[in-house]
Amino acid sequence: MQLKKRVKAFFVRPKRRIAALVPEFRSLREDLERATKTQNPLHEIVRFFDAVSRWHDREAEISGVIQGFVDVNYGQHDRTIRELHAFMVHCVRAGRDAYGWNRTKWGQQVTSDVVFLGNIYGLFTHPVSFWQTQRCGKKGGWGFPEMEHLNAYDVVSEQARKFMVANARSVIIILLYLETLVA
């Protein structure tokens, strides 16, 4: 069986499929890096979800790439397979969810009206478009001394920033690895 995979690996080169995706990986990585450094997290989280959702929609394509590596793997592609699986897990987790933060359907563009934040510190869940109108709202009243300088807009902005940073870091590392496969 291993000999068969070695012969097949000689003729089938799954790295070519990765090479074709590298410009898109690079673009996604740049979008994620920008999202983690933004001064306007509510605007950027919409772009973050839009970028990740496009990859969530391509789950079958990435599964095909993974299968291409599995078919010719006799140990040399183990890390690549793991990284591609991890990439898809992150895209699905931060992708579309009818009851989550990014309430879009397959293929739908993500807008500020379909990204819902809140459900934190007693705030109700509302779309980003609602929270953007709350920028000049009343500050304080949270019951925590360290939060008296914040309003609802500030709290939800921090919620968005933390989510993007937590999810983007791992994906950026994976994308850097995948980009180096064809360098």
N, C-alpha and C. Protein backbone atom coordinates (compact mmCIF):
# COMPACT_ATOMS: atom_id res chain seq x y z
N MET A 1 0.82 -1.19 0.00
CA MET A 1 0.00 0.00 0.00
C MET A 1 0.87 1.26 0.00
N GLN A 2 1.92 1.26 0.81
CA GLN A 2 2.79 2.42 0.89
C GLN A 2 3.51 2.66 -0.44
N LEU A 3 3.92 1.60 -1.09
CA LEU A 3 4.57 1.72 -2.39
C LEU A 3 3.61 2.35 -3.41
N LYS A 4 2.36 1.94 -3.36
CA LYS A 4 1.35 2.48 -4.26
C LYS A 4 1.20 3.99 -4.04
N LYS A 5 1.17 4.42 -2.78
CA LYS A 5 1.07 5.86 -2.48
C LYS A 5 2.30 6.61 -2.95
N ARG A 6 3.46 6.00 -2.81
CA ARG A 6 4.70 6.66 -3.26
C ARG A 6 4.70 6.85 -4.77
N VAL A 7 4.24 5.86 -5.49
CA VAL A 7 4.17 5.97 -6.95
C VAL A 7 3.15 7.04 -7.34
N LYS A 8 2.00 7.01 -6.69
CA LYS A 8 0.97 8.01 -6.98
C LYS A 8 1.47 9.41 -6.65
N ALA A 9 2.19 9.56 -5.55
CA ALA A 9 2.72 10.86 -5.14
C ALA A 9 3.68 11.42 -6.17
N PHE A 10 4.36 10.53 -6.89
CA PHE A 10 5.29 10.97 -7.91
C PHE A 10 4.56 11.67 -9.06
N PHE A 11 3.36 11.21 -9.38
CA PHE A 11 2.60 11.76 -10.51
C PHE A 11 1.59 12.82 -10.09
N VAL A 12 1.00 12.67 -8.93
CA VAL A 12 -0.02 13.61 -8.44
C VAL A 12 0.66 14.57 -7.48
N ARG A 13 0.56 15.82 -7.74
CA ARG A 13 1.22 16.82 -6.90
C ARG A 13 0.18 17.75 -6.29
N PRO A 14 -0.30 17.40 -5.07
CA PRO A 14 -1.36 18.21 -4.45
C PRO A 14 -0.89 19.62 -4.06
N LYS A 15 0.42 19.82 -4.00
CA LYS A 15 0.92 21.16 -3.67
C LYS A 15 0.54 22.17 -4.74
N ARG A 16 0.27 21.70 -5.95
CA ARG A 16 -0.16 22.60 -7.02
C ARG A 16 -1.50 23.26 -6.66
N ARG A 17 -2.37 22.49 -6.02
CA ARG A 17 -3.67 23.05 -5.62
C ARG A 17 -3.48 24.10 -4.53
N ILE A 18 -2.53 23.87 -3.64
CA ILE A 18 -2.22 24.87 -2.61
C ILE A 18 -1.62 26.10 -3.28
N ALA A 19 -0.73 25.89 -4.23
CA ALA A 19 -0.10 27.01 -4.93
C ALA A 19 -1.14 27.91 -5.59
N ALA A 20 -2.18 27.32 -6.13
CA ALA A 20 -3.24 28.11 -6.76
C ALA A 20 -4.02 28.93 -5.74
N LEU A 21 -4.05 28.47 -4.48
CA LEU A 21 -4.79 29.16 -3.43
C LEU A 21 -3.96 30.19 -2.68
N VAL A 22 -2.64 30.16 -2.84
CA VAL A 22 -1.76 31.03 -2.06
C VAL A 22 -2.12 32.52 -2.18
N PRO A 23 -2.41 33.06 -3.37
CA PRO A 23 -2.78 34.48 -3.41
C PRO A 23 -4.03 34.79 -2.57
N GLU A 24 -4.98 33.87 -2.57
CA GLU A 24 -6.18 34.06 -1.76
C GLU A 24 -5.86 33.89 -0.27
N PHE A 25 -4.99 32.95 0.07
CA PHE A 25 -4.56 32.80 1.46
C PHE A 25 -3.88 34.08 1.94
N ARG A 26 -3.03 34.64 1.09
CA ARG A 26 -2.31 35.86 1.45
C ARG A 26 -3.29 37.02 1.68
N SER A 27 -4.28 37.13 0.82
CA SER A 27 -5.29 38.17 0.96
C SER A 27 -6.08 38.00 2.26
N LEU A 28 -6.47 36.76 2.56
CA LEU A 28 -7.18 36.50 3.82
C LEU A 28 -6.30 36.84 5.01
N ARG A 29 -5.05 36.43 4.96
CA ARG A 29 -4.13 36.72 6.07
C ARG A 29 -4.02 38.22 6.29
N GLU A 30 -3.88 38.99 5.22
CA GLU A 30 -3.79 40.45 5.34
C GLU A 30 -5.06 41.04 5.92
N ASP A 31 -6.22 40.51 5.52
CA ASP A 31 -7.50 40.97 6.08
C ASP A 31 -7.56 40.69 7.58
N LEU A 32 -7.12 39.50 7.97
CA LEU A 32 -7.16 39.13 9.38
C LEU A 32 -6.17 39.96 10.21
N GLU A 33 -5.00 40.21 9.66
CA GLU A 33 -4.02 41.04 10.37
C GLU A 33 -4.56 42.45 10.56
N ARG A 34 -5.20 43.00 9.54
CA ARG A 34 -5.79 44.34 9.65
C ARG A 34 -6.90 44.35 10.70
N ALA A 35 -7.70 43.29 10.73
CA ALA A 35 -8.82 43.22 11.68
C ALA A 35 -8.33 43.23 13.12
N THR A 36 -7.18 42.62 13.37
CA THR A 36 -6.70 42.55 14.76
C THR A 36 -6.05 43.85 15.21
N LYS A 37 -5.76 44.76 14.28
CA LYS A 37 -5.08 46.01 14.64
C LYS A 37 -5.98 47.23 14.48
N THR A 38 -7.24 47.03 14.22
CA THR A 38 -8.13 48.13 13.89
C THR A 38 -8.49 49.00 15.08
N GLN A 39 -8.80 50.24 14.78
CA GLN A 39 -9.31 51.17 15.79
C GLN A 39 -10.84 51.19 15.76
N ASN A 40 -11.43 50.53 14.77
CA ASN A 40 -12.88 50.49 14.62
C ASN A 40 -13.34 49.03 14.52
N PRO A 41 -13.39 48.31 15.64
CA PRO A 41 -13.71 46.88 15.59
C PRO A 41 -15.10 46.56 15.05
N LEU A 42 -16.07 47.45 15.26
CA LEU A 42 -17.42 47.14 14.77
C LEU A 42 -17.48 47.16 13.25
N HIS A 43 -16.74 48.03 12.63
CA HIS A 43 -16.69 48.04 11.17
C HIS A 43 -15.88 46.83 10.67
N GLU A 44 -14.80 46.57 11.34
CA GLU A 44 -13.89 45.52 10.88
C GLU A 44 -14.44 44.12 11.11
N ILE A 45 -15.28 43.92 12.13
CA ILE A 45 -15.80 42.57 12.37
C ILE A 45 -16.72 42.13 11.23
N VAL A 46 -17.38 43.08 10.60
CA VAL A 46 -18.21 42.76 9.44
C VAL A 46 -17.31 42.27 8.31
N ARG A 47 -16.22 42.96 8.07
CA ARG A 47 -15.26 42.53 7.04
C ARG A 47 -14.62 41.19 7.40
N PHE A 48 -14.32 41.00 8.69
CA PHE A 48 -13.75 39.75 9.19
C PHE A 48 -14.68 38.58 8.86
N PHE A 49 -15.96 38.72 9.24
CA PHE A 49 -16.92 37.65 8.99
C PHE A 49 -17.13 37.42 7.49
N ASP A 50 -17.10 38.48 6.71
CA ASP A 50 -17.28 38.33 5.27
C ASP A 50 -16.13 37.51 4.68
N ALA A 51 -14.91 37.83 5.09
CA ALA A 51 -13.73 37.11 4.58
C ALA A 51 -13.75 35.65 5.01
N VAL A 52 -14.03 35.39 6.27
CA VAL A 52 -14.03 34.01 6.77
C VAL A 52 -15.19 33.22 6.18
N SER A 53 -16.34 33.87 6.01
CA SER A 53 -17.51 33.16 5.47
C SER A 53 -17.30 32.69 4.04
N ARG A 54 -16.55 33.47 3.27
CA ARG A 54 -16.26 33.03 1.90
C ARG A 54 -15.48 31.72 1.92
N TRP A 55 -14.60 31.54 2.90
CA TRP A 55 -13.87 30.27 3.02
C TRP A 55 -14.75 29.19 3.60
N HIS A 56 -15.65 29.54 4.50
CA HIS A 56 -16.61 28.57 5.03
C HIS A 56 -17.42 27.99 3.88
N ASP A 57 -17.79 28.83 2.93
CA ASP A 57 -18.55 28.38 1.75
C ASP A 57 -17.74 27.44 0.87
N ARG A 58 -16.43 27.50 0.98
CA ARG A 58 -15.55 26.67 0.14
C ARG A 58 -15.08 25.41 0.87
N GLU A 59 -15.81 25.01 1.88
CA GLU A 59 -15.44 23.85 2.69
C GLU A 59 -15.24 22.60 1.83
N ALA A 60 -16.11 22.37 0.86
CA ALA A 60 -15.99 21.18 0.01
C ALA A 60 -14.71 21.25 -0.83
N GLU A 61 -14.37 22.42 -1.31
CA GLU A 61 -13.14 22.58 -2.11
C GLU A 61 -11.91 22.27 -1.27
N ILE A 62 -11.86 22.81 -0.06
CA ILE A 62 -10.71 22.56 0.82
C ILE A 62 -10.67 21.10 1.23
N SER A 63 -11.83 20.49 1.44
CA SER A 63 -11.86 19.06 1.74
C SER A 63 -11.26 18.25 0.58
N GLY A 64 -11.50 18.70 -0.64
CA GLY A 64 -10.90 18.05 -1.80
C GLY A 64 -9.39 18.19 -1.81
N VAL A 65 -8.90 19.36 -1.42
CA VAL A 65 -7.45 19.57 -1.34
C VAL A 65 -6.86 18.65 -0.27
N ILE A 66 -7.54 18.59 0.87
CA ILE A 66 -7.08 17.71 1.95
C ILE A 66 -7.04 16.27 1.46
N GLN A 67 -8.09 15.84 0.77
CA GLN A 67 -8.14 14.47 0.28
C GLN A 67 -7.02 14.20 -0.72
N GLY A 68 -6.68 15.22 -1.52
CA GLY A 68 -5.56 15.07 -2.45
C GLY A 68 -4.26 14.78 -1.73
N PHE A 69 -4.05 15.43 -0.59
CA PHE A 69 -2.85 15.17 0.20
C PHE A 69 -2.93 13.79 0.87
N VAL A 70 -4.10 13.44 1.39
CA VAL A 70 -4.28 12.15 2.06
C VAL A 70 -4.01 11.01 1.09
N ASP A 71 -4.47 11.15 -0.14
CA ASP A 71 -4.31 10.08 -1.13
C ASP A 71 -2.86 9.75 -1.43
N VAL A 72 -1.96 10.72 -1.30
CA VAL A 72 -0.55 10.47 -1.63
C VAL A 72 0.35 10.56 -0.39
N ASN A 73 -0.26 10.57 0.77
CA ASN A 73 0.51 10.75 2.00
C ASN A 73 1.02 9.41 2.54
N TYR A 74 2.30 9.35 2.76
CA TYR A 74 2.88 8.22 3.49
C TYR A 74 3.72 8.78 4.64
N GLY A 75 3.29 9.94 5.14
CA GLY A 75 3.94 10.58 6.29
C GLY A 75 4.49 11.95 6.00
N GLN A 76 4.79 12.24 4.73
CA GLN A 76 5.43 13.51 4.39
C GLN A 76 4.46 14.69 4.41
N HIS A 77 3.16 14.44 4.38
CA HIS A 77 2.18 15.53 4.34
C HIS A 77 1.34 15.62 5.62
N ASP A 78 1.75 14.94 6.67
CA ASP A 78 0.95 14.92 7.90
C ASP A 78 0.66 16.33 8.43
N ARG A 79 1.67 17.17 8.49
CA ARG A 79 1.47 18.51 9.04
C ARG A 79 0.55 19.34 8.13
N THR A 80 0.73 19.23 6.84
CA THR A 80 -0.11 19.98 5.90
C THR A 80 -1.57 19.58 6.06
N ILE A 81 -1.81 18.31 6.18
CA ILE A 81 -3.18 17.81 6.37
C ILE A 81 -3.76 18.36 7.66
N ARG A 82 -2.98 18.31 8.75
CA ARG A 82 -3.44 18.85 10.04
C ARG A 82 -3.76 20.33 9.94
N GLU A 83 -2.88 21.08 9.28
CA GLU A 83 -3.07 22.54 9.17
C GLU A 83 -4.30 22.87 8.32
N LEU A 84 -4.50 22.15 7.24
CA LEU A 84 -5.69 22.38 6.41
C LEU A 84 -6.97 22.05 7.17
N HIS A 85 -6.95 20.96 7.93
CA HIS A 85 -8.11 20.63 8.77
C HIS A 85 -8.36 21.74 9.79
N ALA A 86 -7.31 22.19 10.44
CA ALA A 86 -7.44 23.25 11.45
C ALA A 86 -7.97 24.54 10.82
N PHE A 87 -7.50 24.85 9.61
CA PHE A 87 -7.98 26.04 8.89
C PHE A 87 -9.49 25.96 8.68
N MET A 88 -9.96 24.79 8.23
CA MET A 88 -11.39 24.66 7.98
C MET A 88 -12.19 24.69 9.29
N VAL A 89 -11.67 24.12 10.35
CA VAL A 89 -12.36 24.17 11.64
C VAL A 89 -12.53 25.62 12.08
N HIS A 90 -11.50 26.43 11.93
CA HIS A 90 -11.59 27.84 12.30
C HIS A 90 -12.60 28.58 11.42
N CYS A 91 -12.59 28.29 10.13
CA CYS A 91 -13.51 28.96 9.21
C CYS A 91 -14.96 28.59 9.50
N VAL A 92 -15.19 27.34 9.87
CA VAL A 92 -16.55 26.92 10.20
C VAL A 92 -16.98 27.53 11.53
N ARG A 93 -16.08 27.54 12.50
CA ARG A 93 -16.41 28.09 13.82
C ARG A 93 -16.69 29.59 13.76
N ALA A 94 -15.94 30.31 12.94
CA ALA A 94 -16.13 31.76 12.82
C ALA A 94 -16.94 32.12 11.58
N GLY A 95 -17.54 31.12 10.96
CA GLY A 95 -18.29 31.36 9.73
C GLY A 95 -19.76 31.60 9.98
N ARG A 96 -20.56 31.12 9.09
CA ARG A 96 -22.00 31.36 9.09
C ARG A 96 -22.71 30.50 10.14
N ASP A 97 -23.68 31.11 10.83
CA ASP A 97 -24.46 30.40 11.84
C ASP A 97 -25.78 31.14 12.01
N ALA A 98 -26.87 30.49 11.72
CA ALA A 98 -28.19 31.14 11.74
C ALA A 98 -28.54 31.72 13.10
N TYR A 99 -27.94 31.21 14.17
CA TYR A 99 -28.25 31.71 15.51
C TYR A 99 -27.05 32.31 16.22
N GLY A 100 -25.94 32.45 15.51
CA GLY A 100 -24.72 32.98 16.11
C GLY A 100 -24.53 34.45 15.83
N TRP A 101 -23.28 34.85 15.76
CA TRP A 101 -22.96 36.26 15.51
C TRP A 101 -23.12 36.62 14.04
N ASN A 102 -22.73 35.72 13.16
CA ASN A 102 -22.77 35.94 11.72
C ASN A 102 -23.96 35.19 11.16
N ARG A 103 -25.10 35.84 11.12
CA ARG A 103 -26.35 35.18 10.76
C ARG A 103 -26.63 35.30 9.27
N THR A 104 -25.78 34.68 8.50
CA THR A 104 -25.94 34.70 7.05
C THR A 104 -26.10 33.28 6.53
N LYS A 105 -26.61 33.20 5.32
CA LYS A 105 -26.75 31.92 4.64
C LYS A 105 -25.61 31.76 3.66
N TRP A 106 -25.43 30.54 3.17
CA TRP A 106 -24.38 30.24 2.23
C TRP A 106 -24.42 31.21 1.06
N GLY A 107 -23.26 31.82 0.75
CA GLY A 107 -23.14 32.72 -0.40
C GLY A 107 -23.58 34.15 -0.15
N GLN A 108 -24.23 34.41 0.95
CA GLN A 108 -24.74 35.76 1.26
C GLN A 108 -23.59 36.66 1.71
N GLN A 109 -23.61 37.91 1.24
CA GLN A 109 -22.60 38.86 1.68
C GLN A 109 -22.90 39.28 3.12
N VAL A 110 -21.87 39.40 3.91
CA VAL A 110 -22.02 39.80 5.31
C VAL A 110 -22.09 41.32 5.37
N THR A 111 -23.11 41.82 6.05
CA THR A 111 -23.29 43.27 6.24
C THR A 111 -23.48 43.55 7.72
N SER A 112 -23.50 44.82 8.06
CA SER A 112 -23.67 45.20 9.47
C SER A 112 -25.07 44.89 10.00
N ASP A 113 -26.00 44.55 9.12
CA ASP A 113 -27.35 44.20 9.55
C ASP A 113 -27.51 42.73 9.90
N VAL A 114 -26.52 41.90 9.58
CA VAL A 114 -26.63 40.46 9.84
C VAL A 114 -25.54 39.94 10.78
N VAL A 115 -24.75 40.84 11.33
CA VAL A 115 -23.76 40.46 12.36
C VAL A 115 -24.32 40.98 13.69
N PHE A 116 -24.54 40.05 14.61
CA PHE A 116 -25.18 40.38 15.88
C PHE A 116 -24.19 40.26 17.03
N LEU A 117 -24.12 41.32 17.82
CA LEU A 117 -23.25 41.34 19.01
C LEU A 117 -24.09 41.74 20.22
N GLY A 118 -23.54 41.55 21.38
CA GLY A 118 -24.23 41.88 22.62
C GLY A 118 -24.26 40.66 23.52
N ASN A 119 -25.33 40.55 24.30
CA ASN A 119 -25.47 39.45 25.25
C ASN A 119 -24.26 39.40 26.17
N ILE A 120 -23.85 40.60 26.60
CA ILE A 120 -22.70 40.74 27.48
C ILE A 120 -22.99 41.89 28.45
N TYR A 121 -22.68 41.71 29.72
CA TYR A 121 -22.92 42.73 30.75
C TYR A 121 -24.35 43.25 30.72
N GLY A 122 -25.30 42.39 30.45
CA GLY A 122 -26.71 42.77 30.46
C GLY A 122 -27.20 43.47 29.20
N LEU A 123 -26.37 43.57 28.19
CA LEU A 123 -26.78 44.19 26.94
C LEU A 123 -27.53 43.17 26.08
N PHE A 124 -28.58 43.62 25.44
CA PHE A 124 -29.31 42.76 24.52
C PHE A 124 -28.50 42.57 23.24
N THR A 125 -28.83 41.53 22.48
CA THR A 125 -28.18 41.26 21.21
C THR A 125 -28.83 42.11 20.13
N HIS A 126 -28.00 42.83 19.40
CA HIS A 126 -28.46 43.68 18.30
C HIS A 126 -27.47 43.57 17.15
N PRO A 127 -27.90 43.96 15.94
CA PRO A 127 -26.95 43.96 14.82
C PRO A 127 -25.91 45.08 14.98
N VAL A 128 -24.81 44.94 14.30
CA VAL A 128 -23.75 45.94 14.36
C VAL A 128 -24.27 47.31 13.95
N SER A 129 -25.18 47.34 12.98
CA SER A 129 -25.74 48.63 12.53
C SER A 129 -26.41 49.36 13.69
N PHE A 130 -27.04 48.64 14.61
CA PHE A 130 -27.63 49.27 15.81
C PHE A 130 -26.53 49.80 16.72
N TRP A 131 -25.53 48.96 16.99
CA TRP A 131 -24.47 49.37 17.92
C TRP A 131 -23.68 50.57 17.40
N GLN A 132 -23.56 50.70 16.09
CA GLN A 132 -22.84 51.85 15.54
C GLN A 132 -23.55 53.16 15.83
N THR A 133 -24.85 53.12 16.04
CA THR A 133 -25.61 54.34 16.38
C THR A 133 -25.49 54.69 17.85
N GLN A 134 -24.92 53.82 18.64
CA GLN A 134 -24.83 54.02 20.10
C GLN A 134 -23.50 54.64 20.54
N ARG A 135 -22.72 55.11 19.60
CA ARG A 135 -21.38 55.62 19.89
C ARG A 135 -21.36 56.72 20.94
N CYS A 136 -22.34 57.57 20.95
CA CYS A 136 -22.38 58.70 21.88
C CYS A 136 -23.30 58.45 23.06
N GLY A 137 -23.60 57.20 23.35
CA GLY A 137 -24.50 56.86 24.45
C GLY A 137 -23.90 57.17 25.82
N LYS A 138 -24.77 57.05 26.83
CA LYS A 138 -24.40 57.33 28.22
C LYS A 138 -23.30 56.37 28.68
N LYS A 139 -22.32 56.93 29.38
CA LYS A 139 -21.22 56.12 29.90
C LYS A 139 -21.51 55.71 31.34
N GLY A 140 -20.96 54.57 31.73
CA GLY A 140 -21.07 54.12 33.11
C GLY A 140 -22.34 53.33 33.38
N GLY A 141 -22.58 53.08 34.68
CA GLY A 141 -23.76 52.34 35.10
C GLY A 141 -23.61 50.84 35.03
N TRP A 142 -22.38 50.36 34.91
CA TRP A 142 -22.14 48.92 34.77
C TRP A 142 -22.01 48.21 36.11
N GLY A 143 -21.74 48.97 37.19
CA GLY A 143 -21.53 48.34 38.49
C GLY A 143 -20.11 47.86 38.71
N PHE A 144 -19.23 48.18 37.77
CA PHE A 144 -17.83 47.83 37.89
C PHE A 144 -17.03 49.13 37.78
N PRO A 145 -16.23 49.48 38.80
CA PRO A 145 -15.52 50.76 38.76
C PRO A 145 -14.62 50.92 37.53
N GLU A 146 -14.01 49.82 37.06
CA GLU A 146 -13.10 49.92 35.92
C GLU A 146 -13.85 50.11 34.60
N MET A 147 -15.19 50.04 34.63
CA MET A 147 -15.97 50.19 33.41
C MET A 147 -16.79 51.48 33.36
N GLU A 148 -16.63 52.34 34.33
CA GLU A 148 -17.45 53.56 34.39
C GLU A 148 -17.17 54.54 33.25
N HIS A 149 -16.05 54.40 32.57
CA HIS A 149 -15.71 55.28 31.45
C HIS A 149 -16.21 54.73 30.11
N LEU A 150 -16.93 53.60 30.14
CA LEU A 150 -17.39 52.94 28.92
C LEU A 150 -18.89 53.08 28.72
N ASN A 151 -19.31 53.15 27.46
CA ASN A 151 -20.73 53.05 27.14
C ASN A 151 -20.97 51.72 26.43
N ALA A 152 -22.21 51.45 26.04
CA ALA A 152 -22.55 50.17 25.40
C ALA A 152 -21.74 49.97 24.11
N TYR A 153 -21.54 51.02 23.35
CA TYR A 153 -20.76 50.95 22.12
C TYR A 153 -19.34 50.46 22.42
N ASP A 154 -18.73 51.02 23.46
CA ASP A 154 -17.37 50.63 23.84
C ASP A 154 -17.29 49.16 24.24
N VAL A 155 -18.29 48.71 25.01
CA VAL A 155 -18.31 47.33 25.49
C VAL A 155 -18.43 46.35 24.32
N VAL A 156 -19.34 46.64 23.40
CA VAL A 156 -19.55 45.75 22.26
C VAL A 156 -18.36 45.83 21.29
N SER A 157 -17.75 46.99 21.17
CA SER A 157 -16.55 47.11 20.34
C SER A 157 -15.43 46.23 20.89
N GLU A 158 -15.27 46.23 22.19
CA GLU A 158 -14.25 45.39 22.82
C GLU A 158 -14.58 43.90 22.64
N GLN A 159 -15.86 43.57 22.70
CA GLN A 159 -16.29 42.19 22.46
C GLN A 159 -15.89 41.77 21.04
N ALA A 160 -16.13 42.62 20.07
CA ALA A 160 -15.78 42.33 18.68
C ALA A 160 -14.27 42.20 18.52
N ARG A 161 -13.51 43.11 19.12
CA ARG A 161 -12.06 43.08 19.00
C ARG A 161 -11.49 41.79 19.59
N LYS A 162 -11.95 41.40 20.77
CA LYS A 162 -11.45 40.18 21.41
C LYS A 162 -11.77 38.95 20.57
N PHE A 163 -12.96 38.90 19.99
CA PHE A 163 -13.32 37.76 19.15
C PHE A 163 -12.41 37.67 17.94
N MET A 164 -12.18 38.80 17.28
CA MET A 164 -11.33 38.79 16.08
C MET A 164 -9.90 38.38 16.42
N VAL A 165 -9.36 38.94 17.49
CA VAL A 165 -7.99 38.61 17.86
C VAL A 165 -7.87 37.13 18.21
N ALA A 166 -8.81 36.62 18.99
CA ALA A 166 -8.76 35.21 19.41
C ALA A 166 -8.85 34.27 18.22
N ASN A 167 -9.66 34.59 17.24
CA ASN A 167 -9.84 33.70 16.10
C ASN A 167 -8.81 33.92 15.01
N ALA A 168 -8.34 35.13 14.85
CA ALA A 168 -7.44 35.44 13.74
C ALA A 168 -6.02 34.91 13.98
N ARG A 169 -5.54 34.95 15.21
CA ARG A 169 -4.16 34.55 15.48
C ARG A 169 -3.84 33.16 14.93
N SER A 170 -4.66 32.18 15.30
CA SER A 170 -4.41 30.81 14.87
C SER A 170 -4.48 30.67 13.36
N VAL A 171 -5.45 31.33 12.75
CA VAL A 171 -5.61 31.23 11.29
C VAL A 171 -4.42 31.88 10.59
N ILE A 172 -3.93 32.99 11.10
CA ILE A 172 -2.77 33.66 10.50
C ILE A 172 -1.55 32.74 10.51
N ILE A 173 -1.33 32.05 11.62
CA ILE A 173 -0.20 31.12 11.72
C ILE A 173 -0.36 29.98 10.70
N ILE A 174 -1.56 29.45 10.58
CA ILE A 174 -1.82 28.38 9.61
C ILE A 174 -1.57 28.88 8.19
N LEU A 175 -2.07 30.08 7.88
CA LEU A 175 -1.91 30.62 6.53
C LEU A 175 -0.44 30.88 6.20
N LEU A 176 0.32 31.35 7.16
CA LEU A 176 1.75 31.56 6.92
C LEU A 176 2.43 30.23 6.58
N TYR A 177 2.05 29.18 7.29
CA TYR A 177 2.61 27.86 6.98
C TYR A 177 2.22 27.42 5.57
N LEU A 178 0.95 27.54 5.24
CA LEU A 178 0.48 27.10 3.92
C LEU A 178 1.13 27.91 2.79
N GLU A 179 1.38 29.18 3.05
CA GLU A 179 2.06 30.02 2.03
C GLU A 179 3.49 29.55 1.80
N THR A 180 4.15 29.06 2.84
CA THR A 180 5.54 28.63 2.70
C THR A 180 5.67 27.29 1.99
N LEU A 181 4.58 26.55 1.85
CA LEU A 181 4.65 25.24 1.18
C LEU A 181 5.09 25.37 -0.26
N VAL A 182 4.77 26.47 -0.88
CA VAL A 182 5.05 26.61 -2.31
C VAL A 182 6.12 27.66 -2.56
N ALA A 183 6.71 28.18 -1.51
CA ALA A 183 7.74 29.23 -1.68
C ALA A 183 9.03 28.65 -2.20
